[in-house]
Amino acid sequence: MTLVDTDAFLKDLYELREIGRFKTGVHRPTFSPQDMESRRWLMAKLSACGLDASIDGIGNVFGRHPGPGPHVLCGSHIETQNEAGWLDGALGVVAGIALARAGLPVDVCAFADEEGHFEGGFLGSRSIIGDLTEAEIDLSRNRTDGGSLRDALQAAGLAGKPRIEIDPSRYKGFFEMHIEQGTQLENAGLRIGVVSGIVAIWQYRLVIAGQQDHAGGTTMAERKDAGLTAVRLLAAIDAEFPRVCGERSTWTTGRIALSPGAPSIIPGKAEVLFQFRDVSMAVLERMEDTLYRLVRETNRRERCQIVVEALSKAIPALCDPAEMAALSAAAEALAPGAWQVMPSGAGHDAQNIARKIPASMLFVPSIGGISHHWAEDTKDDDLALGVAVLGDAVRRYLSAA
């Protein structure tokens, strides 16, 4: 007999899946009609569990437990990437509902725009810890259509609402349940991951200045091809980073834009969005040093010049040892030998909350490691086991001295 009603938990997950359904996944971009419908659905669920439900001026949906503490905070996000999966984020919020329904003293939050549809990143979890300014909101634009965040908030009916800021003294800790978004658990035949730390993502814009010219009339010796310079730099990075990275470091070229982008014109400009991730500040700093060194070497050798702009440099978040111990004990009790401690290769709201209160995460397997795609999925048995482990862990954590 588990503390949590896993049947009701799965029912809630499948209900939420129908809002913005796309194939077997979901399309609920931040502040879209589908996203706002899901936030209203969530407020009704939180109220039905006895929590005081509200939505704030950045779109955070918050359910406050009315009884005495000590309290924990539990949550994640419910908007999705475009045409993406049904569990990324939603799992952690619905798990919070399940814990509240079980009578645990939890506050539940769905943090707005963890998926980064708007510039700035992690708008909801940063806002709730007091790390999002009005000036940043003024400047933020939608990454897809360029629309302003202020206009989106107005259209969603959120303009003028106050923004919630949590009081760290209210909470003993924060827990976030999530799909792994990778294959470590599945490949090892395991069912639960107790997260040890959450990677920081360091993001850069590389701008390469060349000379736009005729593709036929300009000889190869005369060319200043920004596109070729960009490709050669990225190849050098890919060759050099394995010498300086950590065991679970990753690096990604998310976009290469050539200007003017015509088949018969030599690109006069290239813009590259590039990022790398790790849980160690020392490793991140080595990778950054290597990036800048390779840019300097390229600028000495090439006809085109590269300028690097650092867009964001987050801080890795190590999970709280006491929460990890509670999660590990619960995992061993409910899934003996079928769990492991592991890092998170993705960023999560938990890393922002960890700046104010102790935080931890629990992973369940992703089938095929697929995420940010409508085929994302996890077995119902693994979802049910995960929320049972989470409920037992929170009970253990709250009862510990």
Protein backbone atom coordinates (compact mmCIF):
# COMPACT_ATOMS: atom_id res chain seq x y z
CA MET A 1 0.00 0.00 0.00
CA THR A 2 1.58 3.28 -1.11
CA LEU A 3 0.88 6.70 0.27
CA VAL A 4 -0.10 8.10 -3.14
CA ASP A 5 -3.21 7.23 -5.19
CA THR A 6 -1.36 6.23 -8.37
CA ASP A 7 -4.58 5.57 -10.32
CA ALA A 8 -5.80 9.13 -9.73
CA PHE A 9 -2.31 10.39 -10.58
CA LEU A 10 -2.32 8.63 -13.96
CA LYS A 11 -5.86 9.83 -14.65
CA ASP A 12 -4.77 13.43 -14.07
CA LEU A 13 -1.77 12.99 -16.38
CA TYR A 14 -3.95 11.65 -19.17
CA GLU A 15 -6.51 14.45 -18.68
CA LEU A 16 -3.81 17.09 -19.01
CA ARG A 17 -2.46 15.31 -22.10
CA GLU A 18 -5.70 16.08 -23.95
CA ILE A 19 -5.21 19.86 -23.65
CA GLY A 20 -3.33 20.87 -26.80
CA ARG A 21 -2.96 17.27 -27.95
CA PHE A 22 -0.70 16.81 -31.01
CA LYS A 23 -0.45 13.24 -32.35
CA THR A 24 0.66 11.27 -29.26
CA GLY A 25 2.19 14.38 -27.70
CA VAL A 26 1.17 17.95 -26.87
CA HIS A 27 1.53 21.44 -28.35
CA ARG A 28 1.15 24.02 -25.54
CA PRO A 29 3.57 26.92 -26.14
CA THR A 30 3.77 29.46 -23.33
CA PHE A 31 0.70 31.74 -22.99
CA SER A 32 -1.03 30.14 -25.98
CA PRO A 33 -4.77 29.44 -25.59
CA GLN A 34 -3.92 25.78 -24.93
CA ASP A 35 -1.38 26.73 -22.26
CA MET A 36 -3.84 29.03 -20.51
CA GLU A 37 -6.51 26.32 -20.62
CA SER A 38 -4.07 23.95 -18.92
CA ARG A 39 -3.36 26.55 -16.22
CA ARG A 40 -7.07 26.91 -15.51
CA TRP A 41 -7.34 23.10 -15.37
CA LEU A 42 -4.49 23.03 -12.87
CA MET A 43 -6.01 25.68 -10.63
CA ALA A 44 -9.22 23.64 -10.41
CA LYS A 45 -7.23 20.50 -9.52
CA LEU A 46 -5.26 22.31 -6.83
CA SER A 47 -8.44 23.75 -5.30
CA ALA A 48 -10.01 20.28 -5.28
CA CYS A 49 -7.01 19.07 -3.23
CA GLY A 50 -7.64 21.75 -0.62
CA LEU A 51 -4.91 24.14 -1.72
CA ASP A 52 -5.38 27.88 -2.16
CA ALA A 53 -4.85 28.25 -5.93
CA SER A 54 -3.80 31.39 -7.78
CA ILE A 55 -2.03 32.54 -10.95
CA ASP A 56 0.43 35.44 -10.90
CA GLY A 57 1.62 38.12 -13.29
CA ILE A 58 4.19 35.94 -15.05
CA GLY A 59 1.87 32.94 -15.36
CA ASN A 60 3.02 30.90 -12.37
CA VAL A 61 0.18 28.75 -11.02
CA PHE A 62 0.60 28.29 -7.28
CA GLY A 63 -1.27 26.08 -4.81
CA ARG A 64 -0.64 26.95 -1.16
CA HIS A 65 -1.24 24.38 1.56
CA PRO A 66 -3.45 25.99 4.24
CA GLY A 67 -2.28 23.90 7.18
CA PRO A 68 0.77 23.95 9.45
CA GLY A 69 4.27 22.98 8.30
CA PRO A 70 6.98 22.13 7.89
CA HIS A 71 6.18 22.41 4.19
CA VAL A 72 7.86 21.29 1.01
CA LEU A 73 7.45 22.86 -2.42
CA CYS A 74 6.83 20.54 -5.36
CA GLY A 75 6.41 21.31 -9.03
CA SER A 76 7.74 21.84 -12.53
CA HIS A 77 6.10 23.33 -15.66
CA ILE A 78 3.11 22.53 -17.90
CA GLU A 79 3.83 24.45 -21.11
CA THR A 80 5.63 22.42 -23.78
CA GLN A 81 8.03 22.80 -26.63
CA ASN A 82 6.33 23.06 -30.02
CA GLU A 83 4.70 19.77 -31.08
CA ALA A 84 6.48 18.01 -28.24
CA GLY A 85 5.96 15.46 -25.49
CA TRP A 86 3.22 15.06 -22.89
CA LEU A 87 5.37 14.33 -19.82
CA ASP A 88 8.22 16.87 -19.89
CA GLY A 89 7.33 19.19 -17.03
CA ALA A 90 3.71 18.08 -16.66
CA LEU A 91 4.86 14.99 -14.78
CA GLY A 92 6.35 17.04 -11.95
CA VAL A 93 3.30 19.24 -11.55
CA VAL A 94 0.81 16.37 -11.56
CA ALA A 95 3.05 14.56 -9.05
CA GLY A 96 2.63 17.59 -6.81
CA ILE A 97 -1.15 17.27 -7.12
CA ALA A 98 -0.86 13.59 -6.11
CA LEU A 99 1.16 14.46 -3.00
CA ALA A 100 -1.33 17.16 -2.00
CA ARG A 101 -4.21 14.72 -2.52
CA ALA A 102 -2.39 12.29 -0.22
CA GLY A 103 -2.50 14.87 2.56
CA LEU A 104 1.18 15.82 2.60
CA PRO A 105 1.94 19.45 3.52
CA VAL A 106 3.05 20.53 0.05
CA ASP A 107 2.74 23.71 -1.94
CA VAL A 108 2.54 23.02 -5.68
CA CYS A 109 3.78 25.30 -8.44
CA ALA A 110 3.73 25.21 -12.24
CA PHE A 111 6.53 27.60 -13.20
CA ALA A 112 5.93 29.58 -16.40
CA ASP A 113 8.04 29.21 -19.54
CA GLU A 114 10.68 26.75 -18.38
CA GLU A 115 10.84 25.78 -22.06
CA GLY A 116 12.15 29.21 -23.04
CA HIS A 117 9.62 30.35 -25.63
CA PHE A 118 10.52 33.87 -24.48
CA GLU A 119 13.97 35.39 -24.12
CA GLY A 120 15.50 35.34 -20.66
CA GLY A 121 14.93 31.71 -19.79
CA PHE A 122 13.21 30.11 -16.77
CA LEU A 123 10.96 33.14 -16.39
CA GLY A 124 8.63 31.59 -13.81
CA SER A 125 11.16 30.00 -11.47
CA ARG A 126 13.42 33.04 -11.69
CA SER A 127 10.49 35.34 -10.93
CA ILE A 128 9.39 33.35 -7.90
CA ILE A 129 12.85 33.66 -6.29
CA GLY A 130 13.02 37.40 -7.04
CA ASP A 131 15.51 37.13 -9.91
CA LEU A 132 13.40 38.56 -12.78
CA THR A 133 13.20 42.32 -13.17
CA GLU A 134 10.46 44.37 -14.79
CA ALA A 135 13.10 45.67 -17.23
CA GLU A 136 13.82 42.11 -18.38
CA ILE A 137 10.11 41.53 -18.92
CA ASP A 138 9.95 44.74 -20.98
CA LEU A 139 12.77 43.55 -23.26
CA SER A 140 11.79 39.90 -23.65
CA ARG A 141 10.54 38.72 -27.05
CA ASN A 142 9.05 35.48 -28.29
CA ARG A 143 11.82 33.41 -29.89
CA THR A 144 9.46 32.14 -32.61
CA ASP A 145 7.47 35.14 -33.79
CA GLY A 146 9.27 38.10 -32.16
CA GLY A 147 6.20 39.25 -30.23
CA SER A 148 6.78 41.02 -26.92
CA LEU A 149 6.32 39.29 -23.59
CA ARG A 150 4.26 42.26 -22.36
CA ASP A 151 1.81 41.79 -25.24
CA ALA A 152 1.60 38.05 -24.57
CA LEU A 153 0.84 38.65 -20.89
CA GLN A 154 -1.84 41.16 -21.86
CA ALA A 155 -3.45 38.73 -24.31
CA ALA A 156 -3.38 35.98 -21.67
CA GLY A 157 -5.18 38.18 -19.15
CA LEU A 158 -2.18 38.38 -16.82
CA ALA A 159 -1.13 42.01 -17.24
CA GLY A 160 -1.19 43.94 -13.97
CA LYS A 161 -1.30 40.88 -11.73
CA PRO A 162 1.33 40.83 -8.96
CA ARG A 163 4.11 38.27 -9.16
CA ILE A 164 4.47 35.70 -6.38
CA GLU A 165 7.79 35.49 -4.52
CA ILE A 166 8.34 32.57 -2.18
CA ASP A 167 9.44 32.90 1.43
CA PRO A 168 12.34 30.42 1.87
CA SER A 169 11.63 30.18 5.62
CA ARG A 170 8.33 28.42 4.82
CA TYR A 171 10.02 25.42 3.20
CA LYS A 172 12.16 22.56 4.35
CA GLY A 173 12.89 21.66 0.71
CA PHE A 174 11.84 21.41 -2.94
CA PHE A 175 11.23 18.24 -4.97
CA GLU A 176 10.82 17.94 -8.75
CA MET A 177 9.87 14.71 -10.51
CA HIS A 178 10.78 14.50 -14.21
CA ILE A 179 11.38 12.14 -17.08
CA GLU A 180 15.06 11.45 -17.69
CA GLN A 181 15.13 12.74 -21.31
CA GLY A 182 17.95 10.30 -22.00
CA THR A 183 18.72 6.57 -22.10
CA GLN A 184 20.85 5.89 -19.00
CA LEU A 185 18.05 4.33 -16.94
CA GLU A 186 16.54 2.37 -19.83
CA ASN A 187 19.91 1.04 -21.00
CA ALA A 188 20.77 -0.09 -17.48
CA GLY A 189 17.38 -1.73 -16.93
CA LEU A 190 16.66 0.64 -14.02
CA ARG A 191 13.43 2.40 -13.09
CA ILE A 192 14.37 5.31 -10.81
CA GLY A 193 17.10 7.96 -10.96
CA VAL A 194 18.02 10.00 -7.89
CA VAL A 195 19.54 13.15 -9.36
CA SER A 196 22.89 14.27 -7.95
CA GLY A 197 23.15 17.61 -9.75
CA ILE A 198 21.70 19.72 -12.55
CA VAL A 199 23.90 20.97 -15.35
CA ALA A 200 24.51 24.62 -16.06
CA ILE A 201 24.02 25.73 -19.65
CA TRP A 202 26.46 28.31 -21.05
CA GLN A 203 25.21 29.88 -24.29
CA TYR A 204 27.00 32.02 -26.87
CA ARG A 205 26.38 33.88 -30.11
CA LEU A 206 29.27 33.69 -32.59
CA VAL A 207 29.15 36.37 -35.28
CA ILE A 208 31.44 35.91 -38.28
CA ALA A 209 32.02 38.91 -40.55
CA GLY A 210 33.01 38.18 -44.16
CA GLN A 211 32.39 39.85 -47.51
CA GLN A 212 29.20 39.30 -49.47
CA ASP A 213 30.08 38.78 -53.14
CA HIS A 214 29.24 37.01 -56.38
CA ALA A 215 29.51 33.20 -56.22
CA GLY A 216 30.79 32.93 -59.78
CA GLY A 217 32.85 36.06 -60.32
CA THR A 218 34.84 35.95 -57.07
CA THR A 219 37.80 33.57 -57.13
CA MET A 220 38.43 31.21 -54.23
CA ALA A 221 41.63 33.10 -53.39
CA GLU A 222 39.71 36.38 -53.07
CA ARG A 223 36.82 35.15 -50.97
CA LYS A 224 35.92 36.05 -47.41
CA ASP A 225 33.29 33.33 -46.89
CA ALA A 226 31.71 33.70 -43.44
CA GLY A 227 29.93 30.35 -43.81
CA LEU A 228 33.09 28.35 -44.41
CA THR A 229 34.83 30.09 -41.49
CA ALA A 230 31.90 29.18 -39.22
CA VAL A 231 32.03 25.52 -40.30
CA ARG A 232 35.79 25.28 -39.80
CA LEU A 233 35.54 26.81 -36.32
CA LEU A 234 32.79 24.40 -35.30
CA ALA A 235 34.85 21.46 -36.58
CA ALA A 236 37.81 22.68 -34.50
CA ILE A 237 35.60 22.96 -31.40
CA ASP A 238 34.28 19.43 -31.91
CA ALA A 239 37.84 18.11 -32.23
CA GLU A 240 39.21 19.99 -29.20
CA PHE A 241 36.40 19.83 -26.64
CA PRO A 242 36.85 16.08 -25.92
CA ARG A 243 40.30 16.96 -24.53
CA VAL A 244 38.90 19.35 -21.90
CA CYS A 245 35.33 18.22 -21.20
CA GLY A 246 33.89 16.11 -18.40
CA GLU A 247 32.41 12.63 -18.57
CA ARG A 248 28.85 13.93 -19.21
CA SER A 249 29.60 17.24 -20.94
CA THR A 250 27.61 18.07 -24.06
CA TRP A 251 27.91 20.81 -26.68
CA THR A 252 25.41 21.83 -29.34
CA THR A 253 25.22 24.13 -32.35
CA GLY A 254 21.56 25.08 -32.27
CA ARG A 255 21.50 27.44 -35.24
CA ILE A 256 23.69 28.56 -38.14
CA ALA A 257 22.24 31.53 -40.05
CA LEU A 258 23.97 32.73 -43.21
CA SER A 259 23.33 36.15 -44.70
CA PRO A 260 21.91 36.82 -47.20
CA GLY A 261 21.30 33.08 -47.57
CA ALA A 262 21.05 32.84 -51.36
CA PRO A 263 22.60 30.05 -53.47
CA SER A 264 24.63 32.36 -55.72
CA ILE A 265 25.90 34.79 -53.11
CA ILE A 266 28.96 34.29 -50.89
CA PRO A 267 27.76 34.72 -47.27
CA GLY A 268 28.92 38.04 -45.90
CA LYS A 269 27.84 37.15 -42.37
CA ALA A 270 27.27 34.03 -40.33
CA GLU A 271 25.60 33.86 -36.92
CA VAL A 272 25.94 30.74 -34.79
CA LEU A 273 24.10 29.89 -31.56
CA PHE A 274 26.30 27.56 -29.53
CA GLN A 275 26.01 26.06 -26.04
CA PHE A 276 27.71 23.58 -23.74
CA ARG A 277 26.65 21.94 -20.47
CA ASP A 278 28.20 20.34 -17.41
CA VAL A 279 27.66 20.02 -13.66
CA SER A 280 31.19 21.24 -12.81
CA MET A 281 32.17 24.91 -12.83
CA ALA A 282 35.80 23.91 -13.44
CA VAL A 283 34.83 21.95 -16.55
CA LEU A 284 32.61 24.77 -17.82
CA GLU A 285 35.44 27.25 -17.39
CA ARG A 286 37.86 24.95 -19.26
CA MET A 287 35.40 24.64 -22.13
CA GLU A 288 34.90 28.39 -22.26
CA ASP A 289 38.66 29.02 -22.24
CA THR A 290 38.99 26.55 -25.10
CA LEU A 291 36.22 28.22 -27.08
CA TYR A 292 37.87 31.63 -26.81
CA ARG A 293 41.30 30.18 -27.64
CA LEU A 294 39.96 28.54 -30.80
CA VAL A 295 38.29 31.80 -31.83
CA ARG A 296 41.58 33.68 -31.37
CA GLU A 297 43.45 31.10 -33.45
CA THR A 298 40.77 31.24 -36.15
CA ASN A 299 40.94 35.04 -36.26
CA ARG A 300 44.71 34.88 -36.81
CA ARG A 301 44.37 32.34 -39.61
CA GLU A 302 41.15 33.19 -41.46
CA ARG A 303 40.15 36.11 -43.67
CA CYS A 304 36.92 36.52 -41.69
CA GLN A 305 36.78 37.80 -38.13
CA ILE A 306 34.72 36.23 -35.32
CA VAL A 307 33.20 38.03 -32.35
CA VAL A 308 31.92 36.00 -29.37
CA GLU A 309 28.97 37.20 -27.29
CA ALA A 310 28.16 35.33 -24.08
CA LEU A 311 24.36 35.13 -23.85
CA SER A 312 23.91 33.32 -20.54
CA LYS A 313 26.07 31.46 -18.02
CA ALA A 314 24.05 29.59 -15.41
CA ILE A 315 25.44 28.03 -12.24
CA PRO A 316 25.27 24.24 -11.78
CA ALA A 317 23.03 23.10 -8.94
CA LEU A 318 24.04 20.21 -6.70
CA CYS A 319 21.08 18.41 -5.15
CA ASP A 320 20.57 18.52 -1.40
CA PRO A 321 22.18 15.50 0.37
CA ALA A 322 19.34 15.04 2.88
CA GLU A 323 16.70 15.03 0.14
CA MET A 324 18.83 12.65 -1.93
CA ALA A 325 19.07 10.33 1.09
CA ALA A 326 15.27 10.32 1.48
CA LEU A 327 14.79 9.64 -2.23
CA SER A 328 17.40 6.86 -2.16
CA ALA A 329 15.79 5.18 0.87
CA ALA A 330 12.36 5.37 -0.75
CA ALA A 331 13.70 4.02 -4.05
CA GLU A 332 15.36 1.07 -2.32
CA ALA A 333 12.19 0.33 -0.36
CA LEU A 334 9.88 0.40 -3.38
CA ALA A 335 12.27 -0.58 -6.21
CA PRO A 336 15.12 -2.51 -4.55
CA GLY A 337 18.19 -2.65 -6.80
CA ALA A 338 16.36 -0.88 -9.65
CA TRP A 339 17.60 2.66 -9.09
CA GLN A 340 20.78 4.71 -9.33
CA VAL A 341 22.22 8.12 -8.52
CA MET A 342 22.82 10.14 -11.69
CA PRO A 343 23.31 13.71 -12.96
CA SER A 344 20.77 15.61 -15.04
CA GLY A 345 21.94 16.53 -18.51
CA ALA A 346 19.09 19.01 -18.96
CA GLY A 347 18.33 22.25 -17.17
CA HIS A 348 15.32 22.41 -14.86
CA ASP A 349 13.42 24.87 -12.67
CA ALA A 350 14.91 23.08 -9.65
CA GLN A 351 18.29 24.68 -10.30
CA ASN A 352 16.78 28.13 -9.71
CA ILE A 353 14.78 27.11 -6.65
CA ALA A 354 18.00 25.56 -5.25
CA ARG A 355 19.39 29.08 -4.95
CA LYS A 356 16.85 29.75 -2.16
CA ILE A 357 15.91 26.41 -0.59
CA PRO A 358 17.32 22.85 -0.60
CA ALA A 359 16.26 21.08 -3.80
CA SER A 360 16.36 17.67 -5.43
CA MET A 361 15.02 15.76 -8.42
CA LEU A 362 13.74 12.29 -9.19
CA PHE A 363 13.90 10.73 -12.68
CA VAL A 364 11.83 8.00 -14.33
CA PRO A 365 12.92 6.38 -17.63
CA SER A 366 12.19 7.82 -21.05
CA ILE A 367 11.34 5.21 -23.70
CA GLY A 368 14.13 5.39 -26.26
CA GLY A 369 15.42 8.53 -24.53
CA ILE A 370 13.03 10.61 -26.67
CA SER A 371 12.00 14.05 -25.44
CA HIS A 372 11.09 17.42 -26.98
CA HIS A 373 9.22 15.37 -29.60
CA TRP A 374 5.63 14.16 -29.74
CA ALA A 375 6.81 10.51 -29.48
CA GLU A 376 8.09 11.12 -25.92
CA ASP A 377 6.72 8.44 -23.56
CA THR A 378 7.20 6.48 -20.32
CA LYS A 379 5.51 3.26 -19.19
CA ASP A 380 2.56 3.76 -16.85
CA ASP A 381 4.14 1.36 -14.35
CA ASP A 382 7.27 3.51 -14.21
CA LEU A 383 5.22 6.70 -13.81
CA ALA A 384 3.26 5.14 -10.95
CA LEU A 385 6.40 3.83 -9.28
CA GLY A 386 8.06 7.22 -9.57
CA VAL A 387 5.26 9.12 -7.85
CA ALA A 388 5.06 6.43 -5.14
CA VAL A 389 8.79 6.83 -4.49
CA LEU A 390 8.41 10.61 -4.43
CA GLY A 391 5.57 10.46 -1.92
CA ASP A 392 7.48 8.08 0.35
CA ALA A 393 10.61 10.23 0.09
CA VAL A 394 8.77 13.42 1.06
CA ARG A 395 7.19 11.60 4.01
CA ARG A 396 10.63 10.41 5.15
CA TYR A 397 12.19 13.82 4.63
CA LEU A 398 9.51 15.66 6.61
CA SER A 399 9.63 13.20 9.48
CA ALA A 400 13.44 13.33 9.80
CA ALA A 401 14.84 15.42 12.60
